[in-house]
Amino acid sequence: MAKQDDIFKNVISHAKEYGYIFPSSEIYDGLSAVYDYAQNGVELKRNIREYWWKSMVQMHENIVGIDASIFMHPTTWKASGHVDAFNDPLIDNKDSKKRYRADVLIEDYCEKLYQKAQKEIEKAKKRFGEAFDEQEFITTNPRVVEYLAKKKAILERMAKGLDTGDLADVKALIEELEIADPDTGSKNWTEVRQFNLMFGTKLGASADSAMDLYLRPETAQGIFVNFLNVQKTGRMKIPFGIAQTGKAFRNEIVARQFIFRMREFEQMEMQFFVKPGEEMKYYEYWKDTRYKWHLSLGMGAENYRFHDHEKLAHYANAATDIEFNFPFGFKELEGIHSRTDFDLKAHEKFSGKKLQFFDNETNSSYVPYVVETSVGLDRMFLSVFSKSLVEETLEDGSTRTVLRLPSVLAPTKAAVLPLVKKDGLPELAQEIIEDLKWDFNVAYDEKDAVGRRYRRADALGTPFCITVDHQSLEDKTVTIRHRDTMKQDRVAIADLKSIIENEVSMKNWLKKML
């Protein structure tokens, strides 16, 4: 755990030092769980968003995008269930005075059981080698069976308690498992109580006539209330999807772990409308498709896993999370949910308007079912950033810090470096910048020795360094250095665009999904 904490601290420190993320309002001592994306962070975030949008919207003929407003009529949130049911179970430690989500404390305990089982499996793999049958070992080894059975029983009991509102049993479970305050070790807990996560605000010119509103806690409802508008104006046929990215706001009980859990965050969601009875087919399709999208970024299949929900939300008949191995362990990165027809039927009921699809083939109308994919853009940012940050020992014994961002997402694709600040080298470097900047985000750097500039570019995550030297003036060639391998090639200036494009184009990266 100490090593994980150190890694995470390095991630947070590096993000600030290299212009990715700053604490919000830092000159006023900041604001809890609110962050600003800095000059490099905003580019990485934009690239992730565009990578998602291209794969989700542009590459699917039956998916379109919208941008719904953050403010919505307050009845929207009554219909969606958020007013009555959008709660998290809260528990306080009487000694430390710290507040936690009761379900997260229990889930973290279960994750430790899972990790114990994994250690037993890994030891057996090494012992038996190629002859090892993992599935048989999982079902027959007493320790592994015990760990996984205990984990399952705990999660089922927690889910039942939360589902029925038996919060006393949730607290009893925490006490029986002897779960302690993660920071102090105290086991002196308060009762568990529910806490609504929506931020309230007002709309209107005067206090007397102002309407009570909520900042949206999710982007999905903006899609549902626009279902019929999009379907009719786009002449969409079932199945079809509506995608959206945008800000959402939740008054989190425990907003921590850097940008993993914030009060103001951004979602990338797609609601896929299908014929009733076909939802599970598309649920499996989107599970597979979204998993391949994550894998296309090359961060390793071992860092992802599916986690099926023990407790389903009130609107769902199936739900799973794609979890990622963050520096603090496996946590939810994306959710795939079969939402049934709950949302459209609820909005029909509360609005008095029909939200149905007329099927010309059967000459009948029905309320579509919905399969949702929802990924947190900030969590996506953290997964990419944290897994890319590496301290590397080189052959000569020296070390370098390198941010191995997938080149398709890197904020700056190339840094152009004149070897010296004279003899016409800066002028030629600027000419190269002027040519490349129409297609790529590129940077110019002439300060310090070229070796230090390489290290700076490595730490910033820039895939290429282009060095302009005296030979460049003679034959119009430059040295191009690759961030990950540090390999250097002599290439023609005229070939730079195609070399960079081949490495950073979304087309080449997304084709890995096929």
Protein backbone atom coordinates (compact mmCIF):
# COMPACT_ATOMS: atom_id res chain seq x y z
CA MET A 1 0.00 0.00 0.00
CA ALA A 2 2.87 2.36 0.79
CA LYS A 3 4.32 1.78 -2.67
CA GLN A 4 0.94 2.48 -4.27
CA ASP A 5 0.66 5.69 -2.27
CA ASP A 6 4.09 6.81 -3.46
CA ILE A 7 3.20 6.09 -7.07
CA PHE A 8 -0.01 8.06 -6.75
CA LYS A 9 1.79 11.00 -5.12
CA ASN A 10 4.23 11.02 -8.04
CA VAL A 11 1.30 11.10 -10.48
CA ILE A 12 -0.27 14.10 -8.74
CA SER A 13 3.06 15.91 -8.48
CA HIS A 14 3.98 15.27 -12.11
CA ALA A 15 0.56 16.43 -13.31
CA LYS A 16 1.10 19.80 -11.66
CA GLU A 17 4.80 20.25 -12.44
CA TYR A 18 4.32 19.63 -16.16
CA GLY A 19 1.18 21.68 -16.69
CA TYR A 20 -1.53 19.02 -16.74
CA ILE A 21 -3.67 19.65 -13.66
CA PHE A 22 -3.69 22.43 -11.06
CA PRO A 23 -5.69 22.64 -7.83
CA SER A 24 -8.56 25.03 -8.46
CA SER A 25 -8.29 28.51 -6.91
CA GLU A 26 -4.90 27.56 -5.52
CA ILE A 27 -3.93 31.13 -4.59
CA TYR A 28 -6.91 31.05 -2.20
CA ASP A 29 -5.83 27.69 -0.75
CA GLY A 30 -7.94 25.74 -3.22
CA LEU A 31 -11.36 24.13 -3.12
CA SER A 32 -11.85 20.55 -2.02
CA ALA A 33 -12.07 18.04 -4.89
CA VAL A 34 -12.12 20.69 -7.63
CA TYR A 35 -9.31 20.88 -10.20
CA ASP A 36 -8.35 22.92 -13.24
CA TYR A 37 -6.98 21.33 -16.40
CA ALA A 38 -3.81 23.20 -17.33
CA GLN A 39 -2.31 23.90 -20.76
CA ASN A 40 -1.23 20.30 -21.42
CA GLY A 41 -4.08 18.72 -19.50
CA VAL A 42 -6.73 20.45 -21.55
CA GLU A 43 -5.14 19.09 -24.75
CA LEU A 44 -4.95 15.53 -23.42
CA LYS A 45 -8.53 15.76 -22.22
CA ARG A 46 -9.70 17.09 -25.59
CA ASN A 47 -7.86 14.31 -27.42
CA ILE A 48 -9.48 11.63 -25.24
CA ARG A 49 -12.89 13.17 -25.88
CA GLU A 50 -12.29 13.25 -29.63
CA TYR A 51 -10.98 9.67 -29.64
CA TRP A 52 -14.21 8.57 -27.93
CA TRP A 53 -16.43 10.72 -30.16
CA LYS A 54 -14.86 9.50 -33.41
CA SER A 55 -15.22 5.85 -32.38
CA MET A 56 -18.72 6.25 -30.99
CA VAL A 57 -20.37 8.69 -33.41
CA GLN A 58 -18.38 9.06 -36.60
CA MET A 59 -17.71 5.31 -36.96
CA HIS A 60 -21.37 4.34 -36.40
CA GLU A 61 -23.94 5.40 -38.99
CA ASN A 62 -26.79 4.88 -36.53
CA ILE A 63 -25.38 7.01 -33.68
CA VAL A 64 -25.65 10.80 -33.54
CA GLY A 65 -24.59 13.36 -30.94
CA ILE A 66 -26.28 16.15 -29.02
CA ASP A 67 -25.25 18.75 -26.45
CA ALA A 68 -28.07 19.20 -23.94
CA SER A 69 -28.08 22.02 -21.41
CA ILE A 70 -26.90 21.59 -17.84
CA PHE A 71 -30.07 23.22 -16.48
CA MET A 72 -33.17 21.07 -16.96
CA HIS A 73 -36.76 21.38 -15.78
CA PRO A 74 -36.83 20.14 -12.16
CA THR A 75 -39.51 17.54 -12.93
CA THR A 76 -36.87 15.78 -15.04
CA TRP A 77 -35.13 14.68 -11.85
CA LYS A 78 -38.36 13.59 -10.19
CA ALA A 79 -39.15 11.40 -13.20
CA SER A 80 -35.64 9.94 -13.33
CA GLY A 81 -35.74 8.96 -9.66
CA HIS A 82 -32.87 11.21 -8.64
CA VAL A 83 -34.93 13.32 -6.23
CA ASP A 84 -36.04 10.26 -4.26
CA ALA A 85 -33.33 7.69 -4.84
CA PHE A 86 -30.03 9.35 -5.81
CA ASN A 87 -28.32 8.65 -2.50
CA ASP A 88 -25.09 7.27 -1.16
CA PRO A 89 -24.84 5.50 2.21
CA LEU A 90 -22.79 7.71 4.52
CA ILE A 91 -20.94 6.71 7.69
CA ASP A 92 -18.76 8.80 10.00
CA ASN A 93 -15.95 7.73 12.25
CA LYS A 94 -16.54 9.20 15.71
CA ASP A 95 -12.85 9.41 16.57
CA SER A 96 -11.29 10.73 13.37
CA LYS A 97 -14.41 12.78 12.43
CA LYS A 98 -13.90 11.58 8.85
CA ARG A 99 -16.76 10.66 6.56
CA TYR A 100 -16.89 7.64 4.26
CA ARG A 101 -19.21 5.85 1.89
CA ALA A 102 -20.24 2.68 3.68
CA ASP A 103 -20.46 0.68 0.45
CA VAL A 104 -16.95 1.74 -0.59
CA LEU A 105 -15.50 0.62 2.76
CA ILE A 106 -17.10 -2.80 2.27
CA GLU A 107 -16.07 -3.02 -1.40
CA ASP A 108 -12.47 -2.16 -0.49
CA TYR A 109 -12.52 -4.98 2.08
CA CYS A 110 -13.78 -7.36 -0.61
CA GLU A 111 -11.09 -6.19 -3.02
CA LYS A 112 -8.48 -7.32 -0.48
CA LEU A 113 -10.07 -10.77 -0.44
CA TYR A 114 -9.92 -10.84 -4.22
CA GLN A 115 -6.26 -9.83 -4.19
CA LYS A 116 -5.47 -12.61 -1.70
CA ALA A 117 -7.09 -15.09 -4.07
CA GLN A 118 -5.09 -13.66 -6.97
CA LYS A 119 -1.83 -14.10 -5.04
CA GLU A 120 -2.63 -17.78 -4.51
CA ILE A 121 -3.36 -18.14 -8.23
CA GLU A 122 -0.12 -16.39 -9.24
CA LYS A 123 1.94 -18.58 -6.89
CA ALA A 124 0.36 -21.69 -8.38
CA LYS A 125 1.04 -20.46 -11.92
CA LYS A 126 4.74 -20.17 -11.14
CA ARG A 127 4.79 -23.56 -9.42
CA PHE A 128 3.01 -25.58 -12.11
CA GLY A 129 4.05 -23.65 -15.24
CA GLU A 130 2.38 -24.61 -18.52
CA ALA A 131 0.55 -27.51 -16.90
CA PHE A 132 -1.44 -25.07 -14.73
CA ASP A 133 -5.23 -25.16 -15.18
CA GLU A 134 -6.36 -21.85 -13.72
CA GLN A 135 -10.09 -22.52 -13.82
CA GLU A 136 -9.75 -25.87 -12.06
CA PHE A 137 -7.48 -24.29 -9.42
CA ILE A 138 -10.00 -21.50 -8.75
CA THR A 139 -12.80 -24.02 -8.18
CA THR A 140 -10.83 -26.55 -6.12
CA ASN A 141 -8.18 -24.75 -4.08
CA PRO A 142 -9.61 -24.35 -0.55
CA ARG A 143 -8.11 -20.91 0.11
CA VAL A 144 -9.17 -19.43 -3.21
CA VAL A 145 -12.66 -20.91 -2.89
CA GLU A 146 -12.95 -19.49 0.63
CA TYR A 147 -11.75 -15.99 -0.34
CA LEU A 148 -14.05 -15.72 -3.36
CA ALA A 149 -17.06 -17.21 -1.57
CA LYS A 150 -16.64 -14.80 1.33
CA LYS A 151 -16.34 -11.88 -1.09
CA LYS A 152 -19.53 -12.92 -2.88
CA ALA A 153 -21.48 -13.40 0.36
CA ILE A 154 -20.42 -10.00 1.72
CA LEU A 155 -21.36 -8.14 -1.46
CA GLU A 156 -24.71 -9.93 -1.67
CA ARG A 157 -25.52 -9.04 1.92
CA MET A 158 -24.51 -5.41 1.37
CA ALA A 159 -26.60 -5.22 -1.81
CA LYS A 160 -29.64 -6.61 0.00
CA GLY A 161 -29.24 -4.12 2.85
CA LEU A 162 -28.95 -1.15 0.51
CA ASP A 163 -31.78 -2.38 -1.70
CA THR A 164 -34.22 -2.85 1.17
CA GLY A 165 -33.06 0.19 3.11
CA ASP A 166 -31.77 -1.90 6.00
CA LEU A 167 -28.90 0.46 6.80
CA ALA A 168 -28.56 -1.00 10.31
CA ASP A 169 -27.45 -4.29 8.74
CA VAL A 170 -24.95 -2.44 6.55
CA LYS A 171 -23.41 -0.97 9.70
CA ALA A 172 -23.53 -4.39 11.38
CA LEU A 173 -21.65 -5.84 8.42
CA ILE A 174 -18.92 -3.20 8.76
CA GLU A 175 -18.61 -4.01 12.46
CA GLU A 176 -18.60 -7.79 11.94
CA LEU A 177 -15.83 -7.48 9.37
CA GLU A 178 -13.95 -5.20 11.79
CA ILE A 179 -13.45 -2.59 9.08
CA ALA A 180 -11.40 0.29 10.43
CA ASP A 181 -10.97 3.90 9.44
CA PRO A 182 -8.34 3.68 6.66
CA ASP A 183 -6.42 6.62 8.09
CA THR A 184 -6.56 6.09 11.85
CA GLY A 185 -7.52 2.46 12.43
CA SER A 186 -10.49 3.47 14.59
CA LYS A 187 -13.58 1.21 14.48
CA ASN A 188 -15.88 3.64 16.28
CA TRP A 189 -18.61 4.22 13.66
CA THR A 190 -21.86 6.18 13.57
CA GLU A 191 -25.06 4.81 12.09
CA VAL A 192 -25.27 4.59 8.29
CA ARG A 193 -27.55 7.16 6.68
CA GLN A 194 -28.50 8.15 3.15
CA PHE A 195 -27.18 11.36 1.58
CA ASN A 196 -28.65 12.91 -1.59
CA LEU A 197 -25.92 13.86 -4.05
CA MET A 198 -27.61 16.57 -6.12
CA PHE A 199 -26.55 20.22 -6.00
CA GLY A 200 -29.47 22.63 -5.72
CA THR A 201 -29.55 26.05 -7.36
CA LYS A 202 -32.13 28.66 -8.40
CA LEU A 203 -33.30 30.15 -11.69
CA GLY A 204 -34.86 33.59 -11.72
CA ALA A 205 -34.22 37.31 -11.27
CA SER A 206 -35.62 37.62 -7.76
CA ALA A 207 -35.52 35.46 -4.67
CA ASP A 208 -39.33 35.46 -4.41
CA SER A 209 -40.01 34.12 -7.89
CA ALA A 210 -36.91 31.99 -8.46
CA MET A 211 -37.44 28.37 -9.46
CA ASP A 212 -35.58 25.65 -7.58
CA LEU A 213 -33.35 23.70 -9.96
CA TYR A 214 -30.60 21.12 -9.77
CA LEU A 215 -27.24 20.99 -11.47
CA ARG A 216 -27.51 17.82 -13.52
CA PRO A 217 -25.96 14.78 -11.77
CA GLU A 218 -25.62 12.94 -15.10
CA THR A 219 -25.86 13.70 -18.82
CA ALA A 220 -28.17 10.80 -19.70
CA GLN A 221 -31.47 12.55 -18.97
CA GLY A 222 -30.74 15.24 -21.57
CA ILE A 223 -30.66 12.42 -24.11
CA PHE A 224 -33.89 10.81 -22.94
CA VAL A 225 -35.98 13.99 -23.01
CA ASN A 226 -34.69 14.65 -26.54
CA PHE A 227 -35.28 11.09 -27.76
CA LEU A 228 -38.28 11.91 -29.95
CA ASN A 229 -36.79 15.17 -31.28
CA VAL A 230 -33.66 13.37 -32.46
CA GLN A 231 -35.53 10.35 -33.79
CA LYS A 232 -37.92 12.40 -35.92
CA THR A 233 -35.54 15.08 -37.19
CA GLY A 234 -32.80 12.54 -37.90
CA ARG A 235 -35.25 9.98 -39.34
CA MET A 236 -33.57 7.43 -37.09
CA LYS A 237 -34.63 3.80 -37.12
CA ILE A 238 -34.35 1.39 -34.21
CA PRO A 239 -31.69 0.46 -33.19
CA PHE A 240 -29.96 3.82 -32.93
CA GLY A 241 -27.93 5.74 -30.39
CA ILE A 242 -27.55 9.27 -29.06
CA ALA A 243 -24.16 10.30 -27.67
CA GLN A 244 -23.21 13.24 -25.50
CA THR A 245 -20.24 14.57 -23.56
CA GLY A 246 -20.53 17.21 -20.88
CA LYS A 247 -20.27 18.34 -17.29
CA ALA A 248 -22.17 16.75 -14.43
CA PHE A 249 -22.20 17.62 -10.73
CA ARG A 250 -22.46 15.50 -7.62
CA ASN A 251 -22.11 16.54 -4.01
CA GLU A 252 -19.91 13.53 -3.23
CA ILE A 253 -19.66 12.43 0.37
CA VAL A 254 -16.00 11.62 0.01
CA ALA A 255 -14.46 13.35 -2.98
CA ARG A 256 -10.87 12.16 -3.00
CA GLN A 257 -8.21 10.29 -4.96
CA PHE A 258 -7.33 13.32 -7.05
CA ILE A 259 -9.54 13.58 -10.17
CA PHE A 260 -10.98 10.09 -9.72
CA ARG A 261 -13.94 11.36 -7.69
CA MET A 262 -14.79 15.04 -8.05
CA ARG A 263 -17.82 17.21 -7.47
CA GLU A 264 -17.62 18.68 -10.98
CA PHE A 265 -16.71 16.17 -13.65
CA GLU A 266 -17.28 15.27 -17.29
CA GLN A 267 -19.05 12.25 -18.73
CA MET A 268 -19.00 10.62 -22.16
CA GLU A 269 -22.27 8.74 -22.53
CA MET A 270 -24.21 6.98 -25.26
CA GLN A 271 -27.78 5.72 -24.96
CA PHE A 272 -28.63 3.01 -27.51
CA PHE A 273 -32.35 2.54 -28.19
CA VAL A 274 -33.41 -1.00 -29.10
CA LYS A 275 -36.50 -3.11 -29.59
CA PRO A 276 -37.78 -4.69 -26.36
CA GLY A 277 -36.42 -8.20 -26.06
CA GLU A 278 -33.21 -7.40 -27.92
CA GLU A 279 -31.54 -5.44 -25.13
CA MET A 280 -29.31 -8.29 -23.94
CA LYS A 281 -27.93 -8.86 -27.44
CA TYR A 282 -26.86 -5.23 -27.63
CA TYR A 283 -25.72 -5.22 -24.01
CA GLU A 284 -23.20 -7.93 -24.89
CA TYR A 285 -22.28 -6.11 -28.12
CA TRP A 286 -21.46 -2.87 -26.30
CA LYS A 287 -19.56 -4.68 -23.56
CA ASP A 288 -17.30 -6.17 -26.20
CA THR A 289 -17.04 -2.99 -28.28
CA ARG A 290 -16.19 -0.72 -25.37
CA TYR A 291 -13.63 -3.18 -24.01
CA LYS A 292 -11.90 -3.24 -27.40
CA TRP A 293 -11.88 0.57 -27.44
CA HIS A 294 -9.98 0.64 -24.16
CA LEU A 295 -7.56 -2.04 -25.34
CA SER A 296 -6.86 -0.06 -28.54
CA LEU A 297 -4.89 2.44 -26.45
CA GLY A 298 -2.31 -0.22 -25.65
CA MET A 299 -2.26 0.02 -21.87
CA GLY A 300 -2.42 -3.74 -21.34
CA ALA A 301 -5.36 -6.15 -21.01
CA GLU A 302 -4.12 -7.06 -17.52
CA ASN A 303 -5.14 -3.58 -16.35
CA TYR A 304 -8.84 -4.08 -17.17
CA ARG A 305 -11.51 -6.36 -15.83
CA PHE A 306 -15.31 -6.61 -15.84
CA HIS A 307 -17.23 -6.36 -12.59
CA ASP A 308 -20.89 -7.36 -12.74
CA HIS A 309 -23.13 -5.46 -10.33
CA GLU A 310 -24.42 -7.31 -7.28
CA LYS A 311 -26.95 -4.54 -6.66
CA LEU A 312 -28.73 -3.25 -9.74
CA ALA A 313 -29.96 0.32 -10.00
CA HIS A 314 -33.72 0.79 -9.99
CA TYR A 315 -33.76 1.20 -13.78
CA ALA A 316 -31.51 -1.73 -14.81
CA ASN A 317 -31.91 -5.43 -15.61
CA ALA A 318 -28.17 -5.93 -16.22
CA ALA A 319 -25.10 -3.87 -15.39
CA THR A 320 -21.34 -4.24 -15.45
CA ASP A 321 -18.33 -2.01 -14.94
CA ILE A 322 -15.10 -2.00 -16.87
CA GLU A 323 -12.64 -1.53 -14.03
CA PHE A 324 -9.11 -0.23 -14.43
CA ASN A 325 -6.04 -0.87 -12.30
CA PHE A 326 -5.43 2.63 -10.96
CA PRO A 327 -2.50 3.32 -8.60
CA PHE A 328 -4.96 2.71 -5.74
CA GLY A 329 -6.34 -0.55 -7.15
CA PHE A 330 -9.07 -1.69 -9.54
CA LYS A 331 -11.91 0.84 -9.70
CA GLU A 332 -14.77 1.65 -12.05
CA LEU A 333 -13.79 3.35 -15.29
CA GLU A 334 -16.86 2.76 -17.46
CA GLY A 335 -20.34 1.40 -16.89
CA ILE A 336 -22.46 -0.56 -19.35
CA HIS A 337 -26.10 -0.83 -18.31
CA SER A 338 -29.27 -2.30 -19.71
CA ARG A 339 -31.71 0.38 -18.51
CA THR A 340 -34.90 -1.33 -19.81
CA ASP A 341 -37.65 1.16 -20.75
CA PHE A 342 -37.63 2.81 -17.33
CA ASP A 343 -36.43 6.25 -18.40
CA LEU A 344 -38.69 6.87 -21.38
CA LYS A 345 -41.75 5.49 -19.56
CA ALA A 346 -41.03 7.65 -16.53
CA HIS A 347 -40.74 10.77 -18.67
CA GLU A 348 -43.96 9.80 -20.48
CA LYS A 349 -45.73 9.56 -17.13
CA PHE A 350 -44.45 12.85 -15.70
CA SER A 351 -44.66 14.91 -18.92
CA GLY A 352 -47.88 13.49 -20.35
CA LYS A 353 -46.12 13.19 -23.74
CA LYS A 354 -45.67 9.98 -25.70
CA LEU A 355 -42.03 8.93 -26.16
CA GLN A 356 -42.49 5.96 -28.46
CA PHE A 357 -41.13 4.64 -31.72
CA PHE A 358 -43.53 3.82 -34.55
CA ASP A 359 -42.44 0.67 -36.36
CA ASN A 360 -43.59 0.81 -39.98
CA GLU A 361 -42.95 -2.90 -40.49
CA THR A 362 -45.33 -3.98 -37.74
CA ASN A 363 -47.53 -0.87 -37.91
CA SER A 364 -47.29 -0.48 -34.13
CA SER A 365 -45.65 1.76 -31.54
CA TYR A 366 -43.55 0.81 -28.56
CA VAL A 367 -41.32 2.36 -25.91
CA PRO A 368 -37.74 1.34 -26.76
CA TYR A 369 -35.38 -0.30 -24.30
CA VAL A 370 -32.03 1.35 -23.69
CA VAL A 371 -28.45 0.09 -23.41
CA GLU A 372 -26.12 2.69 -21.94
CA THR A 373 -22.36 3.11 -22.10
CA SER A 374 -21.01 5.74 -19.72
CA VAL A 375 -17.34 6.56 -19.14
CA GLY A 376 -15.94 9.32 -16.94
CA LEU A 377 -13.65 11.56 -18.98
CA ASP A 378 -11.70 12.58 -15.89
CA ARG A 379 -11.25 8.96 -14.83
CA MET A 380 -10.20 8.14 -18.37
CA PHE A 381 -7.62 10.92 -18.13
CA LEU A 382 -6.33 9.55 -14.83
CA SER A 383 -6.11 5.98 -16.15
CA VAL A 384 -4.07 7.06 -19.16
CA PHE A 385 -1.86 9.49 -17.25
CA SER A 386 -1.11 7.26 -14.27
CA LYS A 387 -0.33 4.17 -16.34
CA SER A 388 1.88 6.17 -18.73
CA LEU A 389 4.14 7.70 -16.07
CA VAL A 390 7.30 5.60 -15.78
CA GLU A 391 10.65 5.93 -14.02
CA GLU A 392 13.09 4.16 -16.29
CA THR A 393 16.67 3.00 -15.69
CA LEU A 394 18.82 3.30 -18.81
CA GLU A 395 21.73 1.15 -19.95
CA ASP A 396 24.30 3.61 -18.57
CA GLY A 397 22.69 3.43 -15.12
CA SER A 398 21.04 6.85 -15.32
CA THR A 399 17.29 7.29 -14.96
CA ARG A 400 14.69 9.21 -16.86
CA THR A 401 11.07 10.10 -16.19
CA VAL A 402 8.98 9.40 -19.25
CA LEU A 403 5.26 9.89 -19.79
CA ARG A 404 4.46 7.15 -22.31
CA LEU A 405 1.10 8.55 -23.36
CA PRO A 406 -0.52 6.81 -26.31
CA SER A 407 0.78 9.04 -29.09
CA VAL A 408 -2.73 9.52 -30.49
CA LEU A 409 -3.65 11.26 -27.23
CA ALA A 410 -0.42 13.16 -26.52
CA PRO A 411 -1.01 16.92 -26.12
CA THR A 412 2.02 17.83 -28.24
CA LYS A 413 2.98 15.48 -31.05
CA ALA A 414 6.49 16.82 -31.71
CA ALA A 415 9.02 19.25 -30.24
CA VAL A 416 11.28 21.03 -32.73
CA LEU A 417 14.75 21.75 -31.33
CA PRO A 418 17.46 23.84 -32.99
CA LEU A 419 20.84 22.44 -31.91
CA VAL A 420 22.10 25.97 -31.18
CA LYS A 421 20.45 29.39 -31.07
CA LYS A 422 22.37 30.79 -34.04
CA ASP A 423 23.64 30.13 -37.58
CA GLY A 424 20.12 30.07 -39.01
CA LEU A 425 19.05 26.95 -37.12
CA PRO A 426 16.23 28.65 -35.17
CA GLU A 427 14.88 30.08 -38.42
CA LEU A 428 14.78 26.66 -40.10
CA ALA A 429 13.18 25.17 -36.98
CA GLN A 430 10.46 27.80 -37.15
CA GLU A 431 9.86 26.99 -40.81
CA ILE A 432 9.30 23.36 -39.82
CA ILE A 433 6.91 24.49 -37.06
CA GLU A 434 4.96 26.63 -39.53
CA ASP A 435 4.53 23.65 -41.85
CA LEU A 436 3.62 21.03 -39.23
CA LYS A 437 1.26 23.11 -37.09
CA TRP A 438 -1.51 22.88 -39.73
CA ASP A 439 -1.80 19.17 -38.94
CA PHE A 440 -0.36 18.68 -35.45
CA ASN A 441 0.12 20.40 -32.14
CA VAL A 442 3.88 21.07 -32.12
CA ALA A 443 6.23 22.96 -29.80
CA TYR A 444 9.49 24.89 -30.12
CA ASP A 445 12.24 24.58 -27.51
CA GLU A 446 15.69 26.16 -27.72
CA LYS A 447 16.62 26.43 -24.03
CA ASP A 448 19.33 24.21 -22.43
CA ALA A 449 21.49 21.46 -23.91
CA VAL A 450 19.68 19.19 -26.35
CA GLY A 451 19.91 16.23 -23.94
CA ARG A 452 18.01 18.15 -21.27
CA ARG A 453 15.44 19.16 -23.84
CA TYR A 454 14.95 15.50 -24.72
CA ARG A 455 14.33 14.70 -21.06
CA ARG A 456 11.86 17.56 -20.77
CA ALA A 457 9.96 16.32 -23.81
CA ASP A 458 9.97 12.77 -22.37
CA ALA A 459 8.44 14.02 -19.12
CA LEU A 460 5.81 15.99 -21.03
CA GLY A 461 4.84 12.90 -23.04
CA THR A 462 5.82 14.28 -26.45
CA PRO A 463 6.22 11.33 -28.88
CA PHE A 464 8.82 12.95 -31.18
CA CYS A 465 11.73 15.35 -30.92
CA ILE A 466 12.99 16.87 -34.17
CA THR A 467 16.54 18.25 -33.96
CA VAL A 468 17.69 20.81 -36.49
CA ASP A 469 21.52 20.95 -36.91
CA HIS A 470 23.99 22.40 -39.37
CA GLN A 471 23.60 19.45 -41.73
CA SER A 472 19.91 20.36 -41.93
CA LEU A 473 20.85 23.60 -43.67
CA GLU A 474 22.82 21.69 -46.29
CA ASP A 475 20.59 18.73 -47.18
CA LYS A 476 17.18 19.50 -45.59
CA THR A 477 17.33 16.51 -43.26
CA VAL A 478 16.79 16.41 -39.50
CA THR A 479 17.17 13.93 -36.66
CA ILE A 480 13.87 12.57 -35.37
CA ARG A 481 13.97 10.94 -31.93
CA HIS A 482 11.30 8.51 -30.72
CA ARG A 483 10.21 9.03 -27.11
CA ASP A 484 9.68 5.41 -26.07
CA THR A 485 12.76 3.80 -27.66
CA MET A 486 14.99 6.91 -27.77
CA LYS A 487 15.94 5.70 -31.27
CA GLN A 488 17.14 8.45 -33.59
CA ASP A 489 16.71 8.48 -37.38
CA ARG A 490 17.95 10.87 -40.02
CA VAL A 491 15.00 11.80 -42.24
CA ALA A 492 14.08 14.37 -44.84
CA ILE A 493 12.15 17.39 -43.59
CA ALA A 494 9.64 16.69 -46.36
CA ASP A 495 8.89 13.28 -44.78
CA LEU A 496 8.16 14.54 -41.26
CA LYS A 497 4.42 14.95 -41.75
CA SER A 498 3.90 11.36 -42.98
CA ILE A 499 6.14 9.89 -40.23
CA ILE A 500 4.22 11.68 -37.47
CA GLU A 501 0.83 11.05 -39.06
CA ASN A 502 1.48 7.32 -39.27
CA GLU A 503 2.13 7.21 -35.53
CA VAL A 504 -0.55 9.55 -34.19
CA SER A 505 -3.58 9.23 -36.49
CA MET A 506 -6.84 8.13 -34.87
CA LYS A 507 -7.55 5.99 -37.89
CA ASN A 508 -4.51 3.79 -37.27
CA TRP A 509 -5.21 3.49 -33.55
CA LEU A 510 -8.93 2.78 -33.84
CA LYS A 511 -8.31 0.09 -36.47
CA LYS A 512 -6.89 -1.98 -33.61
CA MET A 513 -10.51 -2.52 -32.54
CA LEU A 514 -11.33 -4.40 -35.75
